[in-house]
């Protein structure tokens, strides 16, 4: 049985996060590497429409329903929330971000 496809929405903060990641990538690794990384990140987010249960629960945002999950991409975590009607992509963090900053992700409204 095939998993139903579900809508993926992104927070405005997520777009700000990927811009910062891109800028850092350009400064550190060059434009080509930064472009490739962001393309991979966006592709993985788009795949959430049918692969949203594939990724592990975010260990900093545990709930009985396991609604907070994260994509691990290099040194980054892309945190998303599973609701009954959509997948909400909330933030993209460097994996060394503070736990407090990561936990604040729960309060993001879309």
C-alpha atoms as a PDB file:
ATOM      1  CA  UNK A   1       0.000   0.000   0.000  1.00  0.00           C
ATOM      2  CA  UNK A   2       1.397   3.377  -1.003  1.00  0.00           C
ATOM      3  CA  UNK A   3       1.628   6.195   1.542  1.00  0.00           C
ATOM      4  CA  UNK A   4      -0.666   9.134   0.808  1.00  0.00           C
ATOM      5  CA  UNK A   5       0.983  12.314  -0.389  1.00  0.00           C
ATOM      6  CA  UNK A   6       0.648  15.229   2.015  1.00  0.00           C
ATOM      7  CA  UNK A   7       1.212  18.974   1.555  1.00  0.00           C
ATOM      8  CA  UNK A   8       4.550  20.406   2.707  1.00  0.00           C
ATOM      9  CA  UNK A   9       4.598  23.998   3.969  1.00  0.00           C
ATOM     10  CA  UNK A  10       7.618  25.975   5.107  1.00  0.00           C
ATOM     11  CA  UNK A  11       7.936  28.647   7.776  1.00  0.00           C
ATOM     12  CA  UNK A  12       9.355  32.061   6.929  1.00  0.00           C
ATOM     13  CA  UNK A  13      12.090  31.388   9.482  1.00  0.00           C
ATOM     14  CA  UNK A  14      13.096  28.299   7.488  1.00  0.00           C
ATOM     15  CA  UNK A  15      13.694  30.474   4.417  1.00  0.00           C
ATOM     16  CA  UNK A  16      15.846  32.813   6.504  1.00  0.00           C
ATOM     17  CA  UNK A  17      17.789  29.827   7.839  1.00  0.00           C
ATOM     18  CA  UNK A  18      18.601  28.449   4.390  1.00  0.00           C
ATOM     19  CA  UNK A  19      19.714  31.894   3.232  1.00  0.00           C
ATOM     20  CA  UNK A  20      22.165  32.020   6.170  1.00  0.00           C
ATOM     21  CA  UNK A  21      23.356  28.483   5.388  1.00  0.00           C
ATOM     22  CA  UNK A  22      23.863  29.451   1.745  1.00  0.00           C
ATOM     23  CA  UNK A  23      25.774  32.630   2.650  1.00  0.00           C
ATOM     24  CA  UNK A  24      28.021  30.691   5.013  1.00  0.00           C
ATOM     25  CA  UNK A  25      28.578  28.029   2.347  1.00  0.00           C
ATOM     26  CA  UNK A  26      29.572  30.620  -0.249  1.00  0.00           C
ATOM     27  CA  UNK A  27      32.075  32.220   2.144  1.00  0.00           C
ATOM     28  CA  UNK A  28      33.519  28.906   3.278  1.00  0.00           C
ATOM     29  CA  UNK A  29      33.295  26.528   0.309  1.00  0.00           C
ATOM     30  CA  UNK A  30      32.405  28.636  -2.740  1.00  0.00           C
ATOM     31  CA  UNK A  31      29.281  29.259  -4.758  1.00  0.00           C
ATOM     32  CA  UNK A  32      29.165  25.869  -6.506  1.00  0.00           C
ATOM     33  CA  UNK A  33      29.340  23.883  -3.269  1.00  0.00           C
ATOM     34  CA  UNK A  34      26.822  26.171  -1.578  1.00  0.00           C
ATOM     35  CA  UNK A  35      24.404  25.806  -4.514  1.00  0.00           C
ATOM     36  CA  UNK A  36      24.742  22.024  -4.503  1.00  0.00           C
ATOM     37  CA  UNK A  37      24.140  21.822  -0.739  1.00  0.00           C
ATOM     38  CA  UNK A  38      21.039  24.037  -0.855  1.00  0.00           C
ATOM     39  CA  UNK A  39      19.666  22.100  -3.846  1.00  0.00           C
ATOM     40  CA  UNK A  40      20.081  18.855  -1.880  1.00  0.00           C
ATOM     41  CA  UNK A  41      18.427  20.417   1.167  1.00  0.00           C
ATOM     42  CA  UNK A  42      15.448  21.659  -0.867  1.00  0.00           C
ATOM     43  CA  UNK A  43      15.103  18.290  -2.627  1.00  0.00           C
ATOM     44  CA  UNK A  44      14.962  16.471   0.709  1.00  0.00           C
ATOM     45  CA  UNK A  45      12.332  18.887   2.010  1.00  0.00           C
ATOM     46  CA  UNK A  46      10.233  18.382  -1.139  1.00  0.00           C
ATOM     47  CA  UNK A  47      10.432  14.606  -0.678  1.00  0.00           C
ATOM     48  CA  UNK A  48       8.751  14.963   2.715  1.00  0.00           C
ATOM     49  CA  UNK A  49       5.376  14.983   0.952  1.00  0.00           C
ATOM     50  CA  UNK A  50       5.585  11.188   0.792  1.00  0.00           C
ATOM     51  CA  UNK A  51       8.623  10.325   2.961  1.00  0.00           C
ATOM     52  CA  UNK A  52       7.758  12.235   6.128  1.00  0.00           C
ATOM     53  CA  UNK A  53       7.930   9.162   8.395  1.00  0.00           C
ATOM     54  CA  UNK A  54      11.314   8.097   7.033  1.00  0.00           C
ATOM     55  CA  UNK A  55      13.334  10.435   9.250  1.00  0.00           C
ATOM     56  CA  UNK A  56      13.944   9.996  12.993  1.00  0.00           C
ATOM     57  CA  UNK A  57      12.146  11.792  15.764  1.00  0.00           C
ATOM     58  CA  UNK A  58      13.985  14.916  16.911  1.00  0.00           C
ATOM     59  CA  UNK A  59      15.543  13.867  20.198  1.00  0.00           C
ATOM     60  CA  UNK A  60      15.187  17.390  21.627  1.00  0.00           C
ATOM     61  CA  UNK A  61      11.454  17.620  20.824  1.00  0.00           C
ATOM     62  CA  UNK A  62      10.024  14.268  21.868  1.00  0.00           C
ATOM     63  CA  UNK A  63       6.267  13.763  22.041  1.00  0.00           C
ATOM     64  CA  UNK A  64       4.151  10.615  22.427  1.00  0.00           C
ATOM     65  CA  UNK A  65       2.897  11.101  18.853  1.00  0.00           C
ATOM     66  CA  UNK A  66       6.438  11.589  17.468  1.00  0.00           C
ATOM     67  CA  UNK A  67       5.326  14.638  15.469  1.00  0.00           C
ATOM     68  CA  UNK A  68       8.688  16.441  15.514  1.00  0.00           C
ATOM     69  CA  UNK A  69      11.192  14.873  13.177  1.00  0.00           C
ATOM     70  CA  UNK A  70      14.477  15.945  11.667  1.00  0.00           C
ATOM     71  CA  UNK A  71      16.378  15.440   8.474  1.00  0.00           C
ATOM     72  CA  UNK A  72      20.087  15.148   9.137  1.00  0.00           C
ATOM     73  CA  UNK A  73      22.077  16.656   6.285  1.00  0.00           C
ATOM     74  CA  UNK A  74      25.785  17.017   6.919  1.00  0.00           C
ATOM     75  CA  UNK A  75      26.102  19.191  10.017  1.00  0.00           C
ATOM     76  CA  UNK A  76      22.527  20.475   9.793  1.00  0.00           C
ATOM     77  CA  UNK A  77      19.152  19.467  11.191  1.00  0.00           C
ATOM     78  CA  UNK A  78      16.003  20.346   9.286  1.00  0.00           C
ATOM     79  CA  UNK A  79      13.191  20.138  11.818  1.00  0.00           C
ATOM     80  CA  UNK A  80       9.620  19.507  10.737  1.00  0.00           C
ATOM     81  CA  UNK A  81       6.276  18.797  12.379  1.00  0.00           C
ATOM     82  CA  UNK A  82       3.733  16.236  11.173  1.00  0.00           C
ATOM     83  CA  UNK A  83       0.093  17.299  11.494  1.00  0.00           C
ATOM     84  CA  UNK A  84      -3.019  15.559  10.226  1.00  0.00           C
ATOM     85  CA  UNK A  85      -3.222  17.800   7.146  1.00  0.00           C
ATOM     86  CA  UNK A  86       0.339  18.880   6.346  1.00  0.00           C
ATOM     87  CA  UNK A  87       4.030  18.695   7.009  1.00  0.00           C
ATOM     88  CA  UNK A  88       5.351  21.927   8.513  1.00  0.00           C
ATOM     89  CA  UNK A  89       9.044  22.551   7.873  1.00  0.00           C
ATOM     90  CA  UNK A  90      10.049  24.755  10.787  1.00  0.00           C
ATOM     91  CA  UNK A  91      13.799  25.427  10.930  1.00  0.00           C
ATOM     92  CA  UNK A  92      17.217  24.448   9.626  1.00  0.00           C
ATOM     93  CA  UNK A  93      19.908  24.485  12.329  1.00  0.00           C
ATOM     94  CA  UNK A  94      23.556  23.704  12.589  1.00  0.00           C
ATOM     95  CA  UNK A  95      23.735  20.542  14.693  1.00  0.00           C
ATOM     96  CA  UNK A  96      25.783  22.369  17.338  1.00  0.00           C
ATOM     97  CA  UNK A  97      23.003  24.872  18.053  1.00  0.00           C
ATOM     98  CA  UNK A  98      21.891  25.210  21.652  1.00  0.00           C
ATOM     99  CA  UNK A  99      19.198  22.839  22.861  1.00  0.00           C
ATOM    100  CA  UNK A 100      17.183  25.842  24.043  1.00  0.00           C
ATOM    101  CA  UNK A 101      17.216  27.315  20.532  1.00  0.00           C
ATOM    102  CA  UNK A 102      16.125  23.985  19.081  1.00  0.00           C
ATOM    103  CA  UNK A 103      13.323  23.599  21.649  1.00  0.00           C
ATOM    104  CA  UNK A 104      11.986  27.055  20.748  1.00  0.00           C
ATOM    105  CA  UNK A 105      11.073  25.529  17.385  1.00  0.00           C
ATOM    106  CA  UNK A 106       7.910  24.099  18.988  1.00  0.00           C
ATOM    107  CA  UNK A 107       6.449  27.602  19.256  1.00  0.00           C
ATOM    108  CA  UNK A 108       6.663  28.371  15.513  1.00  0.00           C
ATOM    109  CA  UNK A 109       3.223  28.862  13.961  1.00  0.00           C
ATOM    110  CA  UNK A 110       2.553  28.394  10.271  1.00  0.00           C
END
